[in-house]
Amino acid sequence: MEAPQRGIRAAYAQSTVTVYQAYSPGIGVPAAREGRFPAAWKRDRMTWIKPSFLWMMYRCGWGAKAGQETVLAVEISRDGFEWALRRACLSSYVRGTHPDRAAWQRELKRAPTRVQWDPERDLRLRPLPYRSLQLGLSGEAARRYADEWTVAISDVTPLAHEIHALVSAGELDSAARLLPAERPYPAGDEFLAHLGG
């Protein structure tokens, strides 16, 4: 079956969904140890969460990029995730989705969350012909994410390194077996219609 051009694919359970972020060890290690973001984590800055493990690997270079050496899997409540989707605005103007550029700019200023659709990646981090969600959280949304929605935080850097080593050795089937089980998230039109999904 062909993947939809834009869709949310994620590892999720009945009440939680897993998203990924990468930080310096100064933020990532205590976050994983304590299961919550430390005081040093800036709640007043926009933070981007990614349900796609491989898109996160593309972004952080398998945990090798400076300032992104600690890869976190953050389990958040589905209620929180869906709150963020309902209140999101596309991060760029799309003709047909917005009445005009000025209307989009007004919506973007008001929205606590924003969405980008970026090409999904394969195991070699090459772009695929369909797009995955990036969700930017600011203001109220960032505070809720850190202090209300987060259920658990795990350091998945060793997993990232193990998968990367297998990919580098050409053992793609073995690498694929280690990937988190992501499947289409049950986000109906109420979440995606205003996001070009």
Protein backbone atom coordinates (compact mmCIF):
# COMPACT_ATOMS: atom_id res chain seq x y z
CA MET A 1 0.00 0.00 0.00
CA GLU A 2 1.34 3.44 -0.92
CA ALA A 3 2.05 5.84 1.94
CA PRO A 4 0.01 9.06 1.93
CA GLN A 5 1.94 12.12 0.75
CA ARG A 6 1.70 13.58 4.26
CA GLY A 7 0.98 11.56 7.35
CA ILE A 8 1.85 11.00 10.95
CA ARG A 9 3.66 7.73 11.52
CA ALA A 10 4.64 7.05 15.11
CA ALA A 11 5.21 4.47 17.79
CA TYR A 12 2.20 4.82 20.06
CA ALA A 13 0.21 2.99 22.72
CA GLN A 14 -3.30 3.46 24.04
CA SER A 15 -2.53 6.67 25.92
CA THR A 16 0.96 7.74 24.78
CA VAL A 17 2.90 8.55 21.62
CA THR A 18 6.69 8.54 21.28
CA VAL A 19 8.52 11.54 19.84
CA TYR A 20 12.25 12.13 19.44
CA GLN A 21 14.62 14.95 20.24
CA ALA A 22 18.41 15.25 20.47
CA TYR A 23 20.33 17.38 22.96
CA SER A 24 23.77 17.94 24.37
CA PRO A 25 24.59 15.53 27.21
CA GLY A 26 24.11 18.40 29.69
CA ILE A 27 20.38 18.39 28.92
CA GLY A 28 19.81 14.88 27.57
CA VAL A 29 21.50 12.81 30.28
CA PRO A 30 19.65 14.35 33.26
CA ALA A 31 16.38 14.34 31.30
CA ALA A 32 16.67 10.58 30.72
CA ARG A 33 17.86 9.93 34.28
CA GLU A 34 15.05 11.91 35.93
CA GLY A 35 12.34 11.18 33.36
CA ARG A 36 11.63 14.90 33.00
CA PHE A 37 13.35 17.92 31.48
CA PRO A 38 15.79 19.68 33.82
CA ALA A 39 15.54 23.33 34.86
CA ALA A 40 18.20 24.15 32.25
CA TRP A 41 15.74 23.14 29.50
CA LYS A 42 14.36 26.43 28.17
CA ARG A 43 10.57 26.42 28.46
CA ASP A 44 10.34 29.80 26.74
CA ARG A 45 11.96 28.67 23.47
CA MET A 46 10.41 26.79 20.57
CA THR A 47 11.21 23.09 20.66
CA TRP A 48 10.66 20.66 17.77
CA ILE A 49 9.47 17.11 18.33
CA LYS A 50 9.59 14.37 15.71
CA PRO A 51 7.54 11.15 15.74
CA SER A 52 9.86 9.68 13.05
CA PHE A 53 12.97 7.96 14.42
CA LEU A 54 14.76 8.03 11.07
CA TRP A 55 13.99 11.71 10.50
CA MET A 56 15.55 12.37 13.91
CA MET A 57 18.59 10.32 12.84
CA TYR A 58 18.88 12.45 9.72
CA ARG A 59 18.64 15.63 11.79
CA CYS A 60 21.17 14.63 14.46
CA GLY A 61 23.51 12.53 12.29
CA TRP A 62 22.86 9.37 14.34
CA GLY A 63 23.74 11.35 17.49
CA ALA A 64 27.08 12.57 16.11
CA LYS A 65 26.29 16.26 15.53
CA ALA A 66 27.58 18.76 18.08
CA GLY A 67 24.93 19.61 20.64
CA GLN A 68 22.82 16.61 19.57
CA GLU A 69 24.85 13.73 20.99
CA THR A 70 22.09 12.44 23.29
CA VAL A 71 19.04 11.11 21.47
CA LEU A 72 15.89 10.97 23.55
CA ALA A 73 12.67 9.04 23.06
CA VAL A 74 10.01 11.06 24.86
CA GLU A 75 6.70 9.38 25.61
CA ILE A 76 3.99 12.01 25.81
CA SER A 77 0.28 11.75 26.37
CA ARG A 78 -1.82 11.36 23.25
CA ASP A 79 -4.18 13.98 24.69
CA GLY A 80 -1.31 16.47 24.73
CA PHE A 81 -0.12 15.52 21.26
CA GLU A 82 -3.62 15.96 19.86
CA TRP A 83 -4.05 19.28 21.71
CA ALA A 84 -0.91 20.45 19.90
CA LEU A 85 -2.12 19.22 16.50
CA ARG A 86 -5.50 20.93 16.86
CA ARG A 87 -3.84 24.27 17.61
CA ALA A 88 -1.06 24.04 15.01
CA CYS A 89 -0.42 26.27 12.04
CA LEU A 90 1.73 25.34 9.05
CA SER A 91 5.18 26.89 9.38
CA SER A 92 5.02 28.21 5.81
CA TYR A 93 2.28 29.67 3.63
CA VAL A 94 0.46 27.19 1.38
CA ARG A 95 -1.86 28.54 -1.31
CA GLY A 96 -5.27 26.88 -0.99
CA THR A 97 -4.80 25.88 2.64
CA HIS A 98 -4.82 29.51 3.81
CA PRO A 99 -7.10 32.24 2.39
CA ASP A 100 -4.04 34.45 1.78
CA ARG A 101 -0.54 35.13 3.11
CA ALA A 102 -1.75 37.76 5.62
CA ALA A 103 -4.28 35.32 7.12
CA TRP A 104 -1.54 32.69 7.47
CA GLN A 105 0.77 35.22 9.19
CA ARG A 106 -1.97 36.15 11.67
CA GLU A 107 -2.65 32.48 12.42
CA LEU A 108 1.08 31.75 12.82
CA LYS A 109 1.45 34.54 15.40
CA ARG A 110 -1.46 33.19 17.47
CA ALA A 111 -0.71 29.45 17.21
CA PRO A 112 1.21 27.83 20.10
CA THR A 113 2.32 25.06 17.75
CA ARG A 114 3.45 24.78 14.16
CA VAL A 115 3.85 21.97 11.68
CA GLN A 116 6.44 21.22 9.02
CA TRP A 117 6.14 18.31 6.61
CA ASP A 118 9.63 17.05 5.78
CA PRO A 119 10.66 14.17 3.53
CA GLU A 120 10.75 10.91 5.46
CA ARG A 121 14.10 9.10 5.37
CA ASP A 122 15.23 5.57 4.67
CA LEU A 123 17.93 3.70 6.61
CA ARG A 124 20.64 5.42 4.58
CA LEU A 125 18.90 8.74 5.42
CA ARG A 126 17.97 9.36 1.80
CA PRO A 127 14.69 11.25 1.23
CA LEU A 128 11.58 9.19 0.52
CA PRO A 129 8.69 10.40 -1.68
CA TYR A 130 6.39 11.07 1.27
CA ARG A 131 6.59 13.43 4.20
CA SER A 132 6.60 13.12 7.97
CA LEU A 133 5.53 15.47 10.71
CA GLN A 134 7.71 17.84 12.67
CA LEU A 135 5.83 19.62 15.42
CA GLY A 136 7.15 22.88 16.86
CA LEU A 137 6.02 23.82 20.36
CA SER A 138 6.26 27.32 21.79
CA GLY A 139 4.90 29.24 24.77
CA GLU A 140 2.08 27.38 26.47
CA ALA A 141 2.66 24.28 24.33
CA ALA A 142 6.35 24.00 25.27
CA ARG A 143 5.53 24.37 28.96
CA ARG A 144 2.75 21.78 28.77
CA TYR A 145 5.07 19.39 26.88
CA ALA A 146 7.78 19.60 29.52
CA ASP A 147 5.64 19.73 32.63
CA GLU A 148 2.32 17.99 31.85
CA TRP A 149 2.45 15.79 28.76
CA THR A 150 5.78 14.01 29.30
CA VAL A 151 5.23 10.54 30.74
CA ALA A 152 8.74 9.05 30.31
CA ILE A 153 12.09 9.92 28.73
CA SER A 154 14.58 7.31 27.53
CA ASP A 155 18.10 7.70 26.18
CA VAL A 156 18.08 5.86 22.84
CA THR A 157 21.58 6.96 21.80
CA PRO A 158 22.96 3.39 22.08
CA LEU A 159 20.15 2.18 19.80
CA ALA A 160 20.93 4.93 17.28
CA HIS A 161 24.61 3.95 17.27
CA GLU A 162 23.81 0.24 16.94
CA ILE A 163 21.48 0.79 13.98
CA HIS A 164 23.99 3.14 12.33
CA ALA A 165 26.78 0.56 12.70
CA LEU A 166 24.61 -2.07 11.01
CA VAL A 167 23.70 0.32 8.20
CA SER A 168 27.38 1.19 7.72
CA ALA A 169 28.17 -2.53 7.50
CA GLY A 170 25.47 -2.99 4.86
CA GLU A 171 23.31 -5.10 7.18
CA LEU A 172 20.08 -3.28 6.36
CA ASP A 173 17.71 -6.11 7.29
CA SER A 174 19.27 -6.39 10.75
CA ALA A 175 19.15 -2.61 11.13
CA ALA A 176 15.49 -2.47 10.08
CA ARG A 177 14.55 -5.07 12.71
CA LEU A 178 15.82 -2.72 15.44
CA LEU A 179 13.80 0.30 14.34
CA PRO A 180 10.92 1.41 16.57
CA ALA A 181 7.60 0.07 15.26
CA GLU A 182 6.02 3.16 13.71
CA ARG A 183 2.58 2.97 12.15
CA PRO A 184 0.04 5.48 10.87
CA TYR A 185 -1.26 7.55 13.76
CA PRO A 186 -5.06 7.61 13.95
CA ALA A 187 -5.29 11.32 13.25
CA GLY A 188 -8.44 12.01 11.30
CA ASP A 189 -9.42 15.10 9.38
CA GLU A 190 -10.00 17.04 12.60
CA PHE A 191 -6.21 17.07 13.13
CA LEU A 192 -4.85 17.25 9.60
CA ALA A 193 -7.34 19.11 7.39
CA HIS A 194 -5.95 22.53 8.37
CA LEU A 195 -2.36 21.23 8.08
CA GLY A 196 -2.36 20.18 4.45
CA GLY A 197 -2.55 16.49 5.45
